């Protein structure tokens, strides 16, 4: 980065203002870079420390040998070490599902993530202004407890979610500012430093992969009571919608069975949004079969309820304070399409009593990662929010690993 661009960045962001917002005194020192493109303090000493930490914890920290990957700065290595030293050793070196923690320097990355295929955690520097990413020293200071920082993180995350738009929100009655990702549960502490939370959260994904939690345990009530519906299971979602809108028993038995299959086809992704909002509207055409069985006003009301359910479920309702349960709860289960375009449902009461964040109830995988981050985090209040049986499960070591864990 040229000195001119550093000065321009300082002028845009304002180092003094940024420092105060971060809750610390920050002098207006430009971001310095050494010749290989890494930040100052990412030189030889940092490289040696990456190697030392890799040997200590049994996972690669930093770029793969022989690549042009970016090295971590001292500031981020401090965060990595502070997290890893608090985690069970069995979740690190012996965990074949966790191979490396490295910088993800791809230009399109918007958030740090765990790659289930490679077993790698890629750390992404967030964009702070005008497409410019935060330097490592600044990212190391970000805090989930600071409202404006959390709002920026939420904004970046939601930009990638299907079904989230200003126009769409207005259409289904979602007001400005109602959505949150990382927060959303007022009486749960924000768990402090962002980088430390990210690391715990992403390591949690690798533990889920190792112990097959999502496959074997996610359906248990205290684990959120999750159910996932692949394409051949969407009939169960269709049944729930018809039940919630009072359309279950209006048709003759044979026609009723075929109507469930037809509605399931309409709801199957990735074409569900087009089927509900496009022209000709397949959902409206489906509902016409009920018209002769209901008075006009009641038919209109029930049709509107079906549309509301479908539109809300497809609009990332987990970002809302109640998860959209006022519309989407059927017999104690809240139905939705997660950010990965899969129909899922969870036990509504589990969210009401034990949620750590809105994000936790976006999908089964995120439920586990958020619970893991809270259990091993620094704030006992977040840990105490977990269901007692969940706390007991995390506290019991070694964790059972299925024989087919590597499959």
Protein backbone atom coordinates (compact mmCIF):
# COMPACT_ATOMS: atom_id res chain seq x y z
CA UNK A 1 0.00 0.00 0.00
CA UNK A 2 1.45 3.36 -1.02
CA UNK A 3 1.93 6.18 1.53
CA UNK A 4 -0.64 8.22 -0.43
CA UNK A 5 -3.27 5.51 -0.06
CA UNK A 6 -2.52 5.13 3.64
CA UNK A 7 -3.11 8.85 4.14
CA UNK A 8 -6.32 8.64 2.12
CA UNK A 9 -7.51 5.74 4.24
CA UNK A 10 -6.72 7.67 7.41
CA UNK A 11 -8.75 10.61 6.16
CA UNK A 12 -11.75 8.45 5.29
CA UNK A 13 -11.84 6.37 8.43
CA UNK A 14 -10.35 8.84 10.89
CA UNK A 15 -7.87 7.12 13.15
CA UNK A 16 -8.73 9.14 16.23
CA UNK A 17 -12.47 8.56 15.84
CA UNK A 18 -11.88 4.87 15.17
CA UNK A 19 -9.69 4.58 18.22
CA UNK A 20 -12.31 6.15 20.49
CA UNK A 21 -15.02 3.95 19.02
CA UNK A 22 -12.88 0.92 19.75
CA UNK A 23 -12.68 2.05 23.34
CA UNK A 24 -8.92 2.59 23.27
CA UNK A 25 -6.52 5.43 22.57
CA UNK A 26 -5.29 5.02 19.01
CA UNK A 27 -2.53 7.22 17.65
CA UNK A 28 -2.57 8.21 14.01
CA UNK A 29 0.15 5.82 12.91
CA UNK A 30 -0.11 4.76 9.28
CA UNK A 31 -0.44 1.10 8.43
CA UNK A 32 3.06 0.02 7.47
CA UNK A 33 3.83 -2.87 5.17
CA UNK A 34 7.05 -4.73 4.57
CA UNK A 35 8.29 -5.62 1.13
CA UNK A 36 6.50 -8.96 0.84
CA UNK A 37 3.10 -7.26 1.23
CA UNK A 38 2.44 -8.27 4.82
CA UNK A 39 1.84 -5.82 7.62
CA UNK A 40 4.60 -4.63 9.87
CA UNK A 41 5.12 -7.19 12.65
CA UNK A 42 4.27 -9.97 10.14
CA UNK A 43 7.94 -10.42 9.31
CA UNK A 44 10.45 -13.08 10.27
CA UNK A 45 9.47 -13.10 13.94
CA UNK A 46 5.80 -13.65 13.14
CA UNK A 47 6.64 -16.44 10.69
CA UNK A 48 8.69 -18.21 13.34
CA UNK A 49 5.87 -17.80 15.80
CA UNK A 50 3.42 -19.33 13.31
CA UNK A 51 5.71 -22.35 13.12
CA UNK A 52 6.01 -22.58 16.88
CA UNK A 53 2.25 -22.40 17.40
CA UNK A 54 1.70 -24.95 14.64
CA UNK A 55 4.01 -27.38 16.41
CA UNK A 56 2.46 -26.70 19.81
CA UNK A 57 -1.17 -27.22 18.79
CA UNK A 58 -0.75 -29.76 16.00
CA UNK A 59 -2.44 -27.72 13.27
CA UNK A 60 -0.92 -25.49 10.61
CA UNK A 61 -1.16 -21.80 11.48
CA UNK A 62 -0.32 -19.55 8.57
CA UNK A 63 0.07 -20.22 4.83
CA UNK A 64 0.87 -23.65 3.47
CA UNK A 65 4.56 -24.20 2.75
CA UNK A 66 5.57 -23.28 -0.77
CA UNK A 67 2.62 -20.96 -1.35
CA UNK A 68 2.38 -17.18 -1.59
CA UNK A 69 -0.16 -17.02 1.20
CA UNK A 70 -0.28 -14.13 3.65
CA UNK A 71 1.21 -14.43 7.13
CA UNK A 72 -0.56 -13.41 10.30
CA UNK A 73 0.52 -10.30 12.17
CA UNK A 74 1.60 -10.38 15.79
CA UNK A 75 -1.77 -8.90 16.77
CA UNK A 76 -3.74 -11.77 15.22
CA UNK A 77 -1.29 -14.41 16.43
CA UNK A 78 -1.89 -13.10 19.96
CA UNK A 79 -5.62 -13.71 19.46
CA UNK A 80 -5.10 -17.15 17.94
CA UNK A 81 -2.90 -18.26 20.82
CA UNK A 82 -5.24 -16.85 23.47
CA UNK A 83 -8.10 -18.92 22.03
CA UNK A 84 -6.29 -22.19 21.31
CA UNK A 85 -4.80 -22.39 24.79
CA UNK A 86 -8.32 -22.41 26.27
CA UNK A 87 -9.74 -25.17 24.04
CA UNK A 88 -9.54 -28.91 24.69
CA UNK A 89 -6.46 -30.40 23.05
CA UNK A 90 -8.58 -33.15 21.48
CA UNK A 91 -10.38 -30.49 19.42
CA UNK A 92 -7.09 -29.33 17.88
CA UNK A 93 -4.16 -31.61 16.91
CA UNK A 94 -5.98 -34.95 17.31
CA UNK A 95 -8.97 -33.54 15.41
CA UNK A 96 -8.48 -34.75 11.83
CA UNK A 97 -11.23 -32.35 10.73
CA UNK A 98 -9.12 -29.31 11.68
CA UNK A 99 -6.06 -28.99 9.46
CA UNK A 100 -5.14 -25.30 9.41
CA UNK A 101 -5.91 -21.71 10.31
CA UNK A 102 -4.81 -19.34 7.56
CA UNK A 103 -5.52 -15.97 6.02
CA UNK A 104 -8.10 -16.10 3.23
CA UNK A 105 -6.96 -13.45 0.79
CA UNK A 106 -9.50 -14.15 -1.95
CA UNK A 107 -11.00 -10.88 -3.12
CA UNK A 108 -14.60 -12.05 -2.85
CA UNK A 109 -14.51 -13.21 0.75
CA UNK A 110 -16.95 -11.44 3.07
CA UNK A 111 -16.61 -13.49 6.26
CA UNK A 112 -14.23 -15.92 7.91
CA UNK A 113 -15.31 -19.52 7.46
CA UNK A 114 -14.51 -23.17 8.05
CA UNK A 115 -14.12 -25.26 4.89
CA UNK A 116 -15.62 -28.71 5.50
CA UNK A 117 -13.74 -30.22 2.55
CA UNK A 118 -10.24 -29.04 3.45
CA UNK A 119 -10.58 -28.73 7.23
CA UNK A 120 -9.24 -25.19 7.00
CA UNK A 121 -10.37 -22.04 8.80
CA UNK A 122 -9.94 -19.05 6.52
CA UNK A 123 -9.67 -15.70 8.28
CA UNK A 124 -11.08 -12.84 6.21
CA UNK A 125 -10.34 -9.20 6.99
CA UNK A 126 -13.64 -7.28 6.96
CA UNK A 127 -14.29 -4.39 4.62
CA UNK A 128 -14.45 -1.15 6.60
CA UNK A 129 -15.03 1.50 3.94
CA UNK A 130 -15.08 1.83 0.17
CA UNK A 131 -13.98 -1.73 -0.49
CA UNK A 132 -10.87 -1.32 1.72
CA UNK A 133 -10.29 -4.11 4.19
CA UNK A 134 -9.29 -3.52 7.78
CA UNK A 135 -5.59 -4.04 8.54
CA UNK A 136 -4.86 -6.93 10.85
CA UNK A 137 -4.05 -4.74 13.86
CA UNK A 138 -7.43 -3.04 13.56
CA UNK A 139 -9.37 -6.27 13.01
CA UNK A 140 -7.74 -7.63 16.18
CA UNK A 141 -9.47 -4.83 18.12
CA UNK A 142 -13.01 -5.35 16.82
CA UNK A 143 -15.51 -6.17 19.55
CA UNK A 144 -18.92 -7.84 19.26
CA UNK A 145 -20.08 -5.78 22.22
CA UNK A 146 -19.75 -2.47 20.35
CA UNK A 147 -23.07 -1.72 18.68
CA UNK A 148 -21.86 0.07 15.56
CA UNK A 149 -19.25 -2.60 14.85
CA UNK A 150 -21.80 -5.38 15.23
CA UNK A 151 -24.18 -3.48 12.93
CA UNK A 152 -21.48 -3.26 10.25
CA UNK A 153 -20.76 -6.97 10.58
CA UNK A 154 -24.47 -7.75 10.28
CA UNK A 155 -24.79 -5.54 7.22
CA UNK A 156 -21.94 -7.31 5.48
CA UNK A 157 -23.33 -10.74 6.31
CA UNK A 158 -26.89 -10.02 5.21
CA UNK A 159 -25.73 -8.65 1.87
CA UNK A 160 -25.07 -12.26 0.83
CA UNK A 161 -28.29 -13.81 2.16
CA UNK A 162 -30.99 -14.75 -0.38
CA UNK A 163 -34.42 -13.33 0.42
CA UNK A 164 -33.18 -10.19 2.21
CA UNK A 165 -33.94 -6.87 0.51
CA UNK A 166 -35.52 -3.54 1.42
CA UNK A 167 -38.36 -4.07 -1.02
CA UNK A 168 -38.99 -7.62 0.12
CA UNK A 169 -38.90 -6.65 3.80
CA UNK A 170 -41.49 -3.93 3.25
CA UNK A 171 -43.74 -6.39 1.43
CA UNK A 172 -43.91 -8.77 4.40
CA UNK A 173 -43.90 -6.16 7.14
CA UNK A 174 -40.30 -6.33 8.35
CA UNK A 175 -39.30 -2.88 9.58
CA UNK A 176 -35.99 -1.12 9.17
CA UNK A 177 -33.48 -2.19 11.81
CA UNK A 178 -35.44 -5.25 12.92
CA UNK A 179 -32.93 -7.73 11.56
CA UNK A 180 -29.81 -8.75 13.47
CA UNK A 181 -27.29 -11.53 12.91
CA UNK A 182 -24.65 -11.62 15.65
CA UNK A 183 -26.87 -10.13 18.34
CA UNK A 184 -30.63 -10.16 18.77
CA UNK A 185 -30.87 -11.62 22.28
CA UNK A 186 -30.75 -8.62 24.65
CA UNK A 187 -29.92 -10.46 27.89
CA UNK A 188 -27.00 -12.44 26.43
CA UNK A 189 -23.52 -10.87 26.60
CA UNK A 190 -21.84 -10.25 23.25
CA UNK A 191 -18.78 -12.40 24.16
CA UNK A 192 -16.14 -9.75 23.61
CA UNK A 193 -13.41 -9.66 21.01
CA UNK A 194 -14.62 -10.49 17.50
CA UNK A 195 -11.55 -12.40 16.31
CA UNK A 196 -11.54 -14.61 19.39
CA UNK A 197 -15.23 -15.39 18.92
CA UNK A 198 -14.67 -16.13 15.21
CA UNK A 199 -11.90 -18.59 16.05
CA UNK A 200 -13.92 -20.42 18.71
CA UNK A 201 -16.94 -20.50 16.40
CA UNK A 202 -15.03 -21.90 13.42
CA UNK A 203 -13.18 -24.49 15.51
CA UNK A 204 -16.67 -25.48 16.68
CA UNK A 205 -17.60 -26.31 13.09
CA UNK A 206 -14.66 -28.71 12.88
CA UNK A 207 -15.71 -30.40 16.13
CA UNK A 208 -19.25 -30.80 14.76
CA UNK A 209 -17.75 -32.44 11.66
CA UNK A 210 -15.61 -34.77 13.77
CA UNK A 211 -18.24 -36.01 16.22
CA UNK A 212 -21.10 -36.01 13.67
CA UNK A 213 -23.20 -33.85 15.97
CA UNK A 214 -25.50 -32.57 13.23
CA UNK A 215 -26.16 -36.07 11.95
CA UNK A 216 -26.58 -37.86 15.29
CA UNK A 217 -27.57 -35.33 17.96
CA UNK A 218 -29.06 -32.16 16.45
CA UNK A 219 -32.59 -33.54 16.58
CA UNK A 220 -32.57 -33.86 20.37
CA UNK A 221 -34.71 -31.21 22.00
CA UNK A 222 -32.00 -29.65 24.20
CA UNK A 223 -29.78 -29.31 21.12
CA UNK A 224 -32.44 -27.20 19.42
CA UNK A 225 -34.60 -30.04 18.15
CA UNK A 226 -33.43 -29.51 14.57
CA UNK A 227 -34.90 -31.21 11.53
CA UNK A 228 -33.66 -30.73 7.98
CA UNK A 229 -35.78 -31.41 4.90
CA UNK A 230 -34.01 -32.43 1.74
CA UNK A 231 -35.94 -32.29 -1.52
CA UNK A 232 -37.70 -35.61 -0.88
CA UNK A 233 -38.77 -34.45 2.61
CA UNK A 234 -40.37 -31.11 1.71
CA UNK A 235 -43.79 -32.86 1.85
CA UNK A 236 -43.49 -32.43 5.62
CA UNK A 237 -43.09 -28.67 5.22
CA UNK A 238 -46.11 -28.58 2.91
CA UNK A 239 -48.16 -30.47 5.50
CA UNK A 240 -47.13 -27.97 8.19
CA UNK A 241 -48.18 -25.00 6.06
CA UNK A 242 -51.56 -26.52 5.23
CA UNK A 243 -52.09 -27.35 8.90
CA UNK A 244 -51.20 -23.86 10.08
CA UNK A 245 -53.56 -22.22 7.59
CA UNK A 246 -56.51 -24.57 8.14
CA UNK A 247 -56.45 -26.17 4.68
CA UNK A 248 -55.60 -29.74 5.70
CA UNK A 249 -58.99 -31.43 5.67
CA UNK A 250 -60.92 -29.47 3.03
CA UNK A 251 -60.30 -31.78 0.07
CA UNK A 252 -61.23 -35.43 -0.55
CA UNK A 253 -58.53 -37.86 0.65
CA UNK A 254 -57.00 -38.61 -2.76
CA UNK A 255 -56.96 -34.97 -3.81
CA UNK A 256 -55.62 -33.95 -0.41
CA UNK A 257 -52.63 -36.29 -0.80
CA UNK A 258 -51.79 -35.01 -4.26
CA UNK A 259 -52.12 -31.41 -3.08
CA UNK A 260 -49.35 -32.00 -0.51
CA UNK A 261 -47.07 -33.30 -3.24
CA UNK A 262 -47.90 -30.35 -5.50
CA UNK A 263 -47.25 -27.79 -2.77
CA UNK A 264 -43.98 -29.53 -1.87
CA UNK A 265 -42.86 -29.22 -5.50
CA UNK A 266 -43.64 -25.51 -5.42
CA UNK A 267 -41.65 -25.08 -2.21
CA UNK A 268 -38.63 -27.11 -3.32
CA UNK A 269 -35.50 -25.04 -3.77
CA UNK A 270 -33.93 -23.38 -5.68
CA UNK A 271 -37.13 -22.49 -7.57
CA UNK A 272 -39.42 -21.76 -4.59
CA UNK A 273 -39.00 -17.98 -4.70
CA UNK A 274 -39.86 -17.82 -8.40
CA UNK A 275 -42.84 -20.12 -7.87
CA UNK A 276 -44.22 -17.83 -5.17
CA UNK A 277 -43.53 -14.42 -6.69
CA UNK A 278 -43.33 -15.04 -10.44
CA UNK A 279 -45.88 -14.88 -13.21
CA UNK A 280 -47.73 -17.11 -13.73
CA UNK A 281 -47.81 -17.61 -9.98
CA UNK A 282 -47.68 -21.31 -9.23
CA UNK A 283 -48.66 -20.88 -5.60
CA UNK A 284 -51.77 -18.89 -6.51
CA UNK A 285 -52.67 -21.54 -9.06
CA UNK A 286 -52.25 -24.23 -6.41
CA UNK A 287 -54.56 -22.46 -3.96
CA UNK A 288 -57.39 -22.16 -6.48
CA UNK A 289 -58.35 -25.80 -5.74
CA UNK A 290 -59.62 -24.69 -2.32
CA UNK A 291 -61.77 -21.85 -3.62
CA UNK A 292 -64.99 -23.83 -4.05
CA UNK A 293 -64.71 -25.22 -0.52
CA UNK A 294 -64.62 -21.85 1.28
CA UNK A 295 -66.62 -18.61 1.39
CA UNK A 296 -64.86 -15.87 -0.65
CA UNK A 297 -63.62 -13.88 2.34
CA UNK A 298 -62.29 -16.95 4.12
CA UNK A 299 -60.61 -18.23 0.97
CA UNK A 300 -58.85 -14.89 0.55
CA UNK A 301 -57.73 -14.86 4.18
CA UNK A 302 -56.35 -18.40 4.12
CA UNK A 303 -54.64 -17.85 0.78
CA UNK A 304 -53.00 -14.73 2.19
CA UNK A 305 -51.83 -16.76 5.21
CA UNK A 306 -50.18 -19.35 2.94
CA UNK A 307 -48.39 -16.62 1.01
CA UNK A 308 -47.29 -14.93 4.23
CA UNK A 309 -45.89 -18.19 5.61
CA UNK A 310 -43.98 -19.01 2.42
CA UNK A 311 -42.62 -15.50 1.93
CA UNK A 312 -41.55 -15.17 5.56
CA UNK A 313 -39.89 -18.60 5.60
CA UNK A 314 -37.84 -17.67 2.52
CA UNK A 315 -36.71 -14.31 3.95
CA UNK A 316 -34.14 -15.42 6.57
CA UNK A 317 -36.63 -15.03 9.45
CA UNK A 318 -34.04 -16.14 11.98
CA UNK A 319 -32.62 -12.59 11.80
CA UNK A 320 -35.80 -11.29 13.48
CA UNK A 321 -36.28 -10.96 17.26
CA UNK A 322 -38.71 -13.90 17.47
CA UNK A 323 -37.43 -15.82 14.45
CA UNK A 324 -40.72 -15.11 12.70
CA UNK A 325 -42.41 -17.64 14.97
CA UNK A 326 -45.63 -15.61 15.05
CA UNK A 327 -46.12 -16.73 11.47
CA UNK A 328 -43.92 -19.81 11.14
CA UNK A 329 -44.58 -21.79 14.32
CA UNK A 330 -46.60 -24.97 13.73
CA UNK A 331 -47.18 -27.26 16.71
CA UNK A 332 -44.15 -25.90 18.55
CA UNK A 333 -41.75 -25.94 15.59
CA UNK A 334 -40.53 -22.92 13.61
CA UNK A 335 -40.01 -23.59 9.89
CA UNK A 336 -37.65 -21.65 7.64
CA UNK A 337 -35.21 -21.81 4.74
CA UNK A 338 -31.69 -21.33 6.06
CA UNK A 339 -28.95 -19.24 4.45
CA UNK A 340 -27.78 -22.33 2.55
CA UNK A 341 -31.17 -22.78 0.85
CA UNK A 342 -32.31 -25.77 2.89
CA UNK A 343 -35.69 -26.13 4.58
CA UNK A 344 -35.21 -26.67 8.32
CA UNK A 345 -37.21 -26.41 11.52
CA UNK A 346 -36.35 -26.18 15.19
CA UNK A 347 -38.10 -26.30 18.57
CA UNK A 348 -39.51 -22.80 19.08
CA UNK A 349 -39.29 -22.96 22.84
CA UNK A 350 -35.58 -23.82 22.70
CA UNK A 351 -34.92 -20.53 20.95
CA UNK A 352 -37.06 -18.58 23.41
CA UNK A 353 -35.29 -19.99 26.44
CA UNK A 354 -31.73 -20.70 25.37
CA UNK A 355 -30.79 -18.68 22.28
CA UNK A 356 -27.35 -17.06 22.38
CA UNK A 357 -27.83 -15.02 19.19
CA UNK A 358 -30.12 -14.89 16.19
CA UNK A 359 -27.36 -16.51 14.18
CA UNK A 360 -27.44 -19.59 16.36
CA UNK A 361 -30.90 -20.46 15.04
CA UNK A 362 -30.10 -19.92 11.38
CA UNK A 363 -29.12 -23.57 10.80
CA UNK A 364 -28.06 -26.66 12.75
CA UNK A 365 -24.36 -26.11 11.97
CA UNK A 366 -24.46 -22.54 13.28
CA UNK A 367 -26.35 -23.66 16.39
CA UNK A 368 -23.48 -25.93 17.36
CA UNK A 369 -20.73 -23.45 16.48
CA UNK A 370 -22.39 -20.70 18.54
CA UNK A 371 -22.87 -23.05 21.50
CA UNK A 372 -19.23 -24.14 21.29
CA UNK A 373 -18.02 -20.52 21.16
CA UNK A 374 -20.11 -19.64 24.21
CA UNK A 375 -19.10 -22.67 26.28
CA UNK A 376 -15.39 -22.01 25.79
CA UNK A 377 -15.70 -18.24 25.82
CA UNK A 378 -14.58 -15.88 28.58
CA UNK A 379 -18.02 -14.85 29.85
CA UNK A 380 -19.76 -17.35 32.15
CA UNK A 381 -23.09 -15.61 31.55
CA UNK A 382 -23.11 -16.81 27.94
CA UNK A 383 -22.14 -20.31 29.02
CA UNK A 384 -24.87 -20.34 31.66
CA UNK A 385 -27.43 -19.48 28.98
CA UNK A 386 -26.96 -22.94 27.45
CA UNK A 387 -29.36 -25.74 28.36
CA UNK A 388 -27.92 -27.71 31.34
CA UNK A 389 -27.71 -30.89 29.24
CA UNK A 390 -25.78 -29.01 26.58
CA UNK A 391 -23.30 -27.75 29.16
CA UNK A 392 -22.89 -31.30 30.45
CA UNK A 393 -22.24 -32.58 26.93
CA UNK A 394 -19.49 -30.05 26.27
CA UNK A 395 -17.94 -30.65 29.70
CA UNK A 396 -17.67 -34.42 29.15
CA UNK A 397 -14.29 -35.34 27.66
CA UNK A 398 -13.18 -37.15 25.66
CA UNK A 399 -16.08 -36.76 23.26
CA UNK A 400 -17.37 -39.92 21.59
CA UNK A 401 -16.21 -40.01 17.95
CA UNK A 402 -18.23 -42.27 15.61
CA UNK A 403 -16.24 -44.91 13.79
CA UNK A 404 -17.29 -43.43 10.46
CA UNK A 405 -16.16 -39.92 11.47
CA UNK A 406 -13.76 -39.71 8.53
CA UNK A 407 -16.42 -40.63 5.99
